[in-house]
Amino acid sequence: MEDIFILILKCLLLGVIWAALLIPVIFNRGGWLKYLITVIVIAALCFVLRGYAGIINKMTVIALIALV
């Protein structure tokens, strides 16, 4: 039970990071609803594709480094 809770929190964190990176690219203007929908979609994808967690984590680190 605790493992699934931690997995959901990790997916939400990745969703927040990727939403912050993708909102300016996908949408012309961002709003709280677009941000919330993007976070939920990305978190759901992360949860469904949890077998690819290593690749997703590497992509997140690369995207954050590229942002700086």
PDB file of N, CA and C in Angstrom:
ATOM      1  N   MET A   1       0.824  -1.200   0.000  1.00  0.00           N
ATOM      2  CA  MET A   1       0.000   0.000   0.000  1.00  0.00           C
ATOM      3  C   MET A   1       0.867   1.262   0.000  1.00  0.00           C
ATOM      4  N   GLU A   2       1.929   1.220   0.787  1.00  0.00           N
ATOM      5  CA  GLU A   2       2.796   2.385   0.868  1.00  0.00           C
ATOM      6  C   GLU A   2       3.565   2.598  -0.431  1.00  0.00           C
ATOM      7  N   ASP A   3       3.904   1.503  -1.113  1.00  0.00           N
ATOM      8  CA  ASP A   3       4.630   1.607  -2.382  1.00  0.00           C
ATOM      9  C   ASP A   3       3.805   2.301  -3.455  1.00  0.00           C
ATOM     10  N   ILE A   4       2.520   1.992  -3.517  1.00  0.00           N
ATOM     11  CA  ILE A   4       1.660   2.617  -4.532  1.00  0.00           C
ATOM     12  C   ILE A   4       1.489   4.105  -4.236  1.00  0.00           C
ATOM     13  N   PHE A   5       1.439   4.482  -2.960  1.00  0.00           N
ATOM     14  CA  PHE A   5       1.317   5.891  -2.579  1.00  0.00           C
ATOM     15  C   PHE A   5       2.563   6.661  -2.996  1.00  0.00           C
ATOM     16  N   ILE A   6       3.725   6.078  -2.765  1.00  0.00           N
ATOM     17  CA  ILE A   6       4.979   6.722  -3.162  1.00  0.00           C
ATOM     18  C   ILE A   6       5.069   6.827  -4.682  1.00  0.00           C
ATOM     19  N   LEU A   7       4.626   5.794  -5.387  1.00  0.00           N
ATOM     20  CA  LEU A   7       4.630   5.827  -6.852  1.00  0.00           C
ATOM     21  C   LEU A   7       3.719   6.932  -7.376  1.00  0.00           C
ATOM     22  N   ILE A   8       2.547   7.085  -6.782  1.00  0.00           N
ATOM     23  CA  ILE A   8       1.623   8.145  -7.202  1.00  0.00           C
ATOM     24  C   ILE A   8       2.234   9.515  -6.940  1.00  0.00           C
ATOM     25  N   LEU A   9       2.892   9.696  -5.798  1.00  0.00           N
ATOM     26  CA  LEU A   9       3.527  10.981  -5.507  1.00  0.00           C
ATOM     27  C   LEU A   9       4.670  11.280  -6.481  1.00  0.00           C
ATOM     28  N   LYS A  10       5.444  10.256  -6.838  1.00  0.00           N
ATOM     29  CA  LYS A  10       6.515  10.456  -7.826  1.00  0.00           C
ATOM     30  C   LYS A  10       5.936  10.853  -9.181  1.00  0.00           C
ATOM     31  N   CYS A  11       4.848  10.203  -9.563  1.00  0.00           N
ATOM     32  CA  CYS A  11       4.217  10.523 -10.841  1.00  0.00           C
ATOM     33  C   CYS A  11       3.662  11.945 -10.839  1.00  0.00           C
ATOM     34  N   LEU A  12       3.084  12.371  -9.726  1.00  0.00           N
ATOM     35  CA  LEU A  12       2.586  13.741  -9.641  1.00  0.00           C
ATOM     36  C   LEU A  12       3.725  14.751  -9.701  1.00  0.00           C
ATOM     37  N   LEU A  13       4.840  14.437  -9.065  1.00  0.00           N
ATOM     38  CA  LEU A  13       5.996  15.333  -9.123  1.00  0.00           C
ATOM     39  C   LEU A  13       6.526  15.452 -10.547  1.00  0.00           C
ATOM     40  N   LEU A  14       6.636  14.321 -11.231  1.00  0.00           N
ATOM     41  CA  LEU A  14       7.060  14.368 -12.631  1.00  0.00           C
ATOM     42  C   LEU A  14       6.044  15.120 -13.487  1.00  0.00           C
ATOM     43  N   GLY A  15       4.770  14.961 -13.166  1.00  0.00           N
ATOM     44  CA  GLY A  15       3.731  15.689 -13.886  1.00  0.00           C
ATOM     45  C   GLY A  15       3.874  17.188 -13.729  1.00  0.00           C
ATOM     46  N   VAL A  16       4.185  17.631 -12.523  1.00  0.00           N
ATOM     47  CA  VAL A  16       4.375  19.064 -12.274  1.00  0.00           C
ATOM     48  C   VAL A  16       5.587  19.580 -13.043  1.00  0.00           C
ATOM     49  N   ILE A  17       6.673  18.827 -13.008  1.00  0.00           N
ATOM     50  CA  ILE A  17       7.895  19.259 -13.713  1.00  0.00           C
ATOM     51  C   ILE A  17       7.649  19.337 -15.221  1.00  0.00           C
ATOM     52  N   TRP A  18       7.078  18.264 -15.797  1.00  0.00           N
ATOM     53  CA  TRP A  18       6.870  18.256 -17.241  1.00  0.00           C
ATOM     54  C   TRP A  18       5.800  19.251 -17.675  1.00  0.00           C
ATOM     55  N   ALA A  19       4.797  19.482 -16.834  1.00  0.00           N
ATOM     56  CA  ALA A  19       3.787  20.481 -17.183  1.00  0.00           C
ATOM     57  C   ALA A  19       4.414  21.868 -17.236  1.00  0.00           C
ATOM     58  N   ALA A  20       5.298  22.158 -16.290  1.00  0.00           N
ATOM     59  CA  ALA A  20       5.973  23.462 -16.305  1.00  0.00           C
ATOM     60  C   ALA A  20       6.831  23.621 -17.552  1.00  0.00           C
ATOM     61  N   LEU A  21       7.386  22.513 -18.043  1.00  0.00           N
ATOM     62  CA  LEU A  21       8.212  22.578 -19.256  1.00  0.00           C
ATOM     63  C   LEU A  21       7.362  22.634 -20.528  1.00  0.00           C
ATOM     64  N   LEU A  22       6.205  21.980 -20.525  1.00  0.00           N
ATOM     65  CA  LEU A  22       5.421  21.840 -21.751  1.00  0.00           C
ATOM     66  C   LEU A  22       4.338  22.901 -21.951  1.00  0.00           C
ATOM     67  N   ILE A  23       3.855  23.522 -20.896  1.00  0.00           N
ATOM     68  CA  ILE A  23       2.772  24.507 -21.029  1.00  0.00           C
ATOM     69  C   ILE A  23       3.139  25.611 -22.023  1.00  0.00           C
ATOM     70  N   PRO A  24       4.328  26.235 -21.930  1.00  0.00           N
ATOM     71  CA  PRO A  24       4.641  27.290 -22.904  1.00  0.00           C
ATOM     72  C   PRO A  24       4.779  26.771 -24.334  1.00  0.00           C
ATOM     73  N   VAL A  25       5.119  25.499 -24.488  1.00  0.00           N
ATOM     74  CA  VAL A  25       5.326  24.940 -25.820  1.00  0.00           C
ATOM     75  C   VAL A  25       3.998  24.558 -26.463  1.00  0.00           C
ATOM     76  N   ILE A  26       3.126  23.928 -25.692  1.00  0.00           N
ATOM     77  CA  ILE A  26       1.869  23.412 -26.239  1.00  0.00           C
ATOM     78  C   ILE A  26       0.815  24.501 -26.395  1.00  0.00           C
ATOM     79  N   PHE A  27       0.683  25.327 -25.369  1.00  0.00           N
ATOM     80  CA  PHE A  27      -0.380  26.338 -25.371  1.00  0.00           C
ATOM     81  C   PHE A  27       0.208  27.731 -25.547  1.00  0.00           C
ATOM     82  N   ASN A  28      -0.593  28.610 -26.119  1.00  0.00           N
ATOM     83  CA  ASN A  28      -0.169  29.990 -26.301  1.00  0.00           C
ATOM     84  C   ASN A  28      -0.086  30.699 -24.952  1.00  0.00           C
ATOM     85  N   ARG A  29      -1.111  30.513 -24.144  1.00  0.00           N
ATOM     86  CA  ARG A  29      -1.137  31.074 -22.794  1.00  0.00           C
ATOM     87  C   ARG A  29      -1.501  29.956 -21.827  1.00  0.00           C
ATOM     88  N   GLY A  30      -0.917  29.980 -20.661  1.00  0.00           N
ATOM     89  CA  GLY A  30      -1.217  28.966 -19.656  1.00  0.00           C
ATOM     90  C   GLY A  30      -2.212  29.498 -18.646  1.00  0.00           C
ATOM     91  N   GLY A  31      -3.004  28.630 -18.130  1.00  0.00           N
ATOM     92  CA  GLY A  31      -3.934  28.950 -17.063  1.00  0.00           C
ATOM     93  C   GLY A  31      -3.923  27.808 -16.069  1.00  0.00           C
ATOM     94  N   TRP A  32      -4.575  27.997 -14.950  1.00  0.00           N
ATOM     95  CA  TRP A  32      -4.532  26.958 -13.925  1.00  0.00           C
ATOM     96  C   TRP A  32      -5.221  25.683 -14.387  1.00  0.00           C
ATOM     97  N   LEU A  33      -6.271  25.808 -15.212  1.00  0.00           N
ATOM     98  CA  LEU A  33      -6.974  24.617 -15.686  1.00  0.00           C
ATOM     99  C   LEU A  33      -6.114  23.827 -16.674  1.00  0.00           C
ATOM    100  N   LYS A  34      -5.447  24.532 -17.597  1.00  0.00           N
ATOM    101  CA  LYS A  34      -4.546  23.859 -18.539  1.00  0.00           C
ATOM    102  C   LYS A  34      -3.398  23.190 -17.797  1.00  0.00           C
ATOM    103  N   TYR A  35      -2.880  23.876 -16.786  1.00  0.00           N
ATOM    104  CA  TYR A  35      -1.787  23.315 -16.002  1.00  0.00           C
ATOM    105  C   TYR A  35      -2.251  22.062 -15.257  1.00  0.00           C
ATOM    106  N   LEU A  36      -3.416  22.120 -14.638  1.00  0.00           N
ATOM    107  CA  LEU A  36      -3.948  20.984 -13.889  1.00  0.00           C
ATOM    108  C   LEU A  36      -4.218  19.788 -14.797  1.00  0.00           C
ATOM    109  N   ILE A  37      -4.801  20.033 -15.954  1.00  0.00           N
ATOM    110  CA  ILE A  37      -5.071  18.951 -16.908  1.00  0.00           C
ATOM    111  C   ILE A  37      -3.766  18.335 -17.400  1.00  0.00           C
ATOM    112  N   THR A  38      -2.774  19.168 -17.688  1.00  0.00           N
ATOM    113  CA  THR A  38      -1.486  18.662 -18.147  1.00  0.00           C
ATOM    114  C   THR A  38      -0.804  17.829 -17.074  1.00  0.00           C
ATOM    115  N   VAL A  39      -0.860  18.269 -15.821  1.00  0.00           N
ATOM    116  CA  VAL A  39      -0.273  17.506 -14.720  1.00  0.00           C
ATOM    117  C   VAL A  39      -0.952  16.153 -14.575  1.00  0.00           C
ATOM    118  N   ILE A  40      -2.279  16.134 -14.644  1.00  0.00           N
ATOM    119  CA  ILE A  40      -3.018  14.885 -14.490  1.00  0.00           C
ATOM    120  C   ILE A  40      -2.709  13.924 -15.638  1.00  0.00           C
ATOM    121  N   VAL A  41      -2.672  14.425 -16.858  1.00  0.00           N
ATOM    122  CA  VAL A  41      -2.388  13.571 -18.012  1.00  0.00           C
ATOM    123  C   VAL A  41      -0.971  12.987 -17.917  1.00  0.00           C
ATOM    124  N   ILE A  42      -0.005  13.823 -17.595  1.00  0.00           N
ATOM    125  CA  ILE A  42       1.376  13.348 -17.507  1.00  0.00           C
ATOM    126  C   ILE A  42       1.548  12.376 -16.338  1.00  0.00           C
ATOM    127  N   ALA A  43       0.903  12.654 -15.204  1.00  0.00           N
ATOM    128  CA  ALA A  43       0.988  11.742 -14.066  1.00  0.00           C
ATOM    129  C   ALA A  43       0.343  10.401 -14.403  1.00  0.00           C
ATOM    130  N   ALA A  44      -0.761  10.420 -15.130  1.00  0.00           N
ATOM    131  CA  ALA A  44      -1.409   9.168 -15.527  1.00  0.00           C
ATOM    132  C   ALA A  44      -0.516   8.376 -16.488  1.00  0.00           C
ATOM    133  N   LEU A  45       0.111   9.071 -17.421  1.00  0.00           N
ATOM    134  CA  LEU A  45       1.048   8.394 -18.333  1.00  0.00           C
ATOM    135  C   LEU A  45       2.234   7.795 -17.574  1.00  0.00           C
ATOM    136  N   CYS A  46       2.732   8.528 -16.615  1.00  0.00           N
ATOM    137  CA  CYS A  46       3.835   8.040 -15.805  1.00  0.00           C
ATOM    138  C   CYS A  46       3.420   6.793 -15.032  1.00  0.00           C
ATOM    139  N   PHE A  47       2.200   6.796 -14.505  1.00  0.00           N
ATOM    140  CA  PHE A  47       1.719   5.643 -13.741  1.00  0.00           C
ATOM    141  C   PHE A  47       1.528   4.432 -14.648  1.00  0.00           C
ATOM    142  N   VAL A  48       0.975   4.659 -15.835  1.00  0.00           N
ATOM    143  CA  VAL A  48       0.739   3.556 -16.766  1.00  0.00           C
ATOM    144  C   VAL A  48       2.061   3.001 -17.298  1.00  0.00           C
ATOM    145  N   LEU A  49       3.017   3.874 -17.559  1.00  0.00           N
ATOM    146  CA  LEU A  49       4.305   3.474 -18.132  1.00  0.00           C
ATOM    147  C   LEU A  49       5.384   3.332 -17.057  1.00  0.00           C
ATOM    148  N   ARG A  50       5.022   2.874 -15.883  1.00  0.00           N
ATOM    149  CA  ARG A  50       5.987   2.801 -14.783  1.00  0.00           C
ATOM    150  C   ARG A  50       7.112   1.802 -15.041  1.00  0.00           C
ATOM    151  N   GLY A  51       6.952   0.939 -16.010  1.00  0.00           N
ATOM    152  CA  GLY A  51       8.041   0.038 -16.390  1.00  0.00           C
ATOM    153  C   GLY A  51       9.200   0.783 -17.034  1.00  0.00           C
ATOM    154  N   TYR A  52       8.932   1.955 -17.554  1.00  0.00           N
ATOM    155  CA  TYR A  52       9.946   2.790 -18.197  1.00  0.00           C
ATOM    156  C   TYR A  52      10.408   3.917 -17.276  1.00  0.00           C
ATOM    157  N   ALA A  53      10.382   3.696 -15.977  1.00  0.00           N
ATOM    158  CA  ALA A  53      10.696   4.748 -15.007  1.00  0.00           C
ATOM    159  C   ALA A  53      12.122   5.275 -15.176  1.00  0.00           C
ATOM    160  N   GLY A  54      13.054   4.403 -15.474  1.00  0.00           N
ATOM    161  CA  GLY A  54      14.435   4.850 -15.652  1.00  0.00           C
ATOM    162  C   GLY A  54      14.589   5.810 -16.814  1.00  0.00           C
ATOM    163  N   ILE A  55      13.949   5.490 -17.911  1.00  0.00           N
ATOM    164  CA  ILE A  55      14.012   6.355 -19.094  1.00  0.00           C
ATOM    165  C   ILE A  55      13.307   7.681 -18.821  1.00  0.00           C
ATOM    166  N   ILE A  56      12.163   7.620 -18.154  1.00  0.00           N
ATOM    167  CA  ILE A  56      11.415   8.848 -17.837  1.00  0.00           C
ATOM    168  C   ILE A  56      12.239   9.741 -16.921  1.00  0.00           C
ATOM    169  N   ASN A  57      12.910   9.159 -15.933  1.00  0.00           N
ATOM    170  CA  ASN A  57      13.738   9.960 -15.023  1.00  0.00           C
ATOM    171  C   ASN A  57      14.922  10.600 -15.755  1.00  0.00           C
ATOM    172  N   LYS A  58      15.557   9.847 -16.657  1.00  0.00           N
ATOM    173  CA  LYS A  58      16.669  10.411 -17.427  1.00  0.00           C
ATOM    174  C   LYS A  58      16.189  11.546 -18.324  1.00  0.00           C
ATOM    175  N   MET A  59      15.038  11.368 -18.953  1.00  0.00           N
ATOM    176  CA  MET A  59      14.491  12.428 -19.808  1.00  0.00           C
ATOM    177  C   MET A  59      14.172  13.674 -18.993  1.00  0.00           C
ATOM    178  N   THR A  60      13.678  13.490 -17.774  1.00  0.00           N
ATOM    179  CA  THR A  60      13.356  14.630 -16.917  1.00  0.00           C
ATOM    180  C   THR A  60      14.614  15.387 -16.532  1.00  0.00           C
ATOM    181  N   VAL A  61      15.654  14.682 -16.167  1.00  0.00           N
ATOM    182  CA  VAL A  61      16.919  15.334 -15.806  1.00  0.00           C
ATOM    183  C   VAL A  61      17.492  16.079 -17.003  1.00  0.00           C
ATOM    184  N   ILE A  62      17.465  15.467 -18.172  1.00  0.00           N
ATOM    185  CA  ILE A  62      17.981  16.120 -19.379  1.00  0.00           C
ATOM    186  C   ILE A  62      17.173  17.375 -19.693  1.00  0.00           C
ATOM    187  N   ALA A  63      15.847  17.292 -19.560  1.00  0.00           N
ATOM    188  CA  ALA A  63      15.000  18.461 -19.834  1.00  0.00           C
ATOM    189  C   ALA A  63      15.270  19.584 -18.840  1.00  0.00           C
ATOM    190  N   LEU A  64      15.465  19.244 -17.575  1.00  0.00           N
ATOM    191  CA  LEU A  64      15.760  20.289 -16.582  1.00  0.00           C
ATOM    192  C   LEU A  64      17.115  20.922 -16.829  1.00  0.00           C
ATOM    193  N   ILE A  65      18.102  20.125 -17.216  1.00  0.00           N
ATOM    194  CA  ILE A  65      19.418  20.687 -17.526  1.00  0.00           C
ATOM    195  C   ILE A  65      19.344  21.574 -18.767  1.00  0.00           C
ATOM    196  N   ALA A  66      18.593  21.148 -19.764  1.00  0.00           N
ATOM    197  CA  ALA A  66      18.444  21.945 -20.973  1.00  0.00           C
ATOM    198  C   ALA A  66      17.710  23.252 -20.700  1.00  0.00           C
ATOM    199  N   LEU A  67      16.831  23.243 -19.734  1.00  0.00           N
ATOM    200  CA  LEU A  67      16.086  24.454 -19.391  1.00  0.00           C
ATOM    201  C   LEU A  67      17.007  25.506 -18.787  1.00  0.00           C
ATOM    202  N   VAL A  68      17.987  25.065 -18.036  1.00  0.00           N
ATOM    203  CA  VAL A  68      18.917  26.002 -17.390  1.00  0.00           C
ATOM    204  C   VAL A  68      19.901  26.477 -18.426  1.00  0.00           C
TER     205      VAL A  68
END
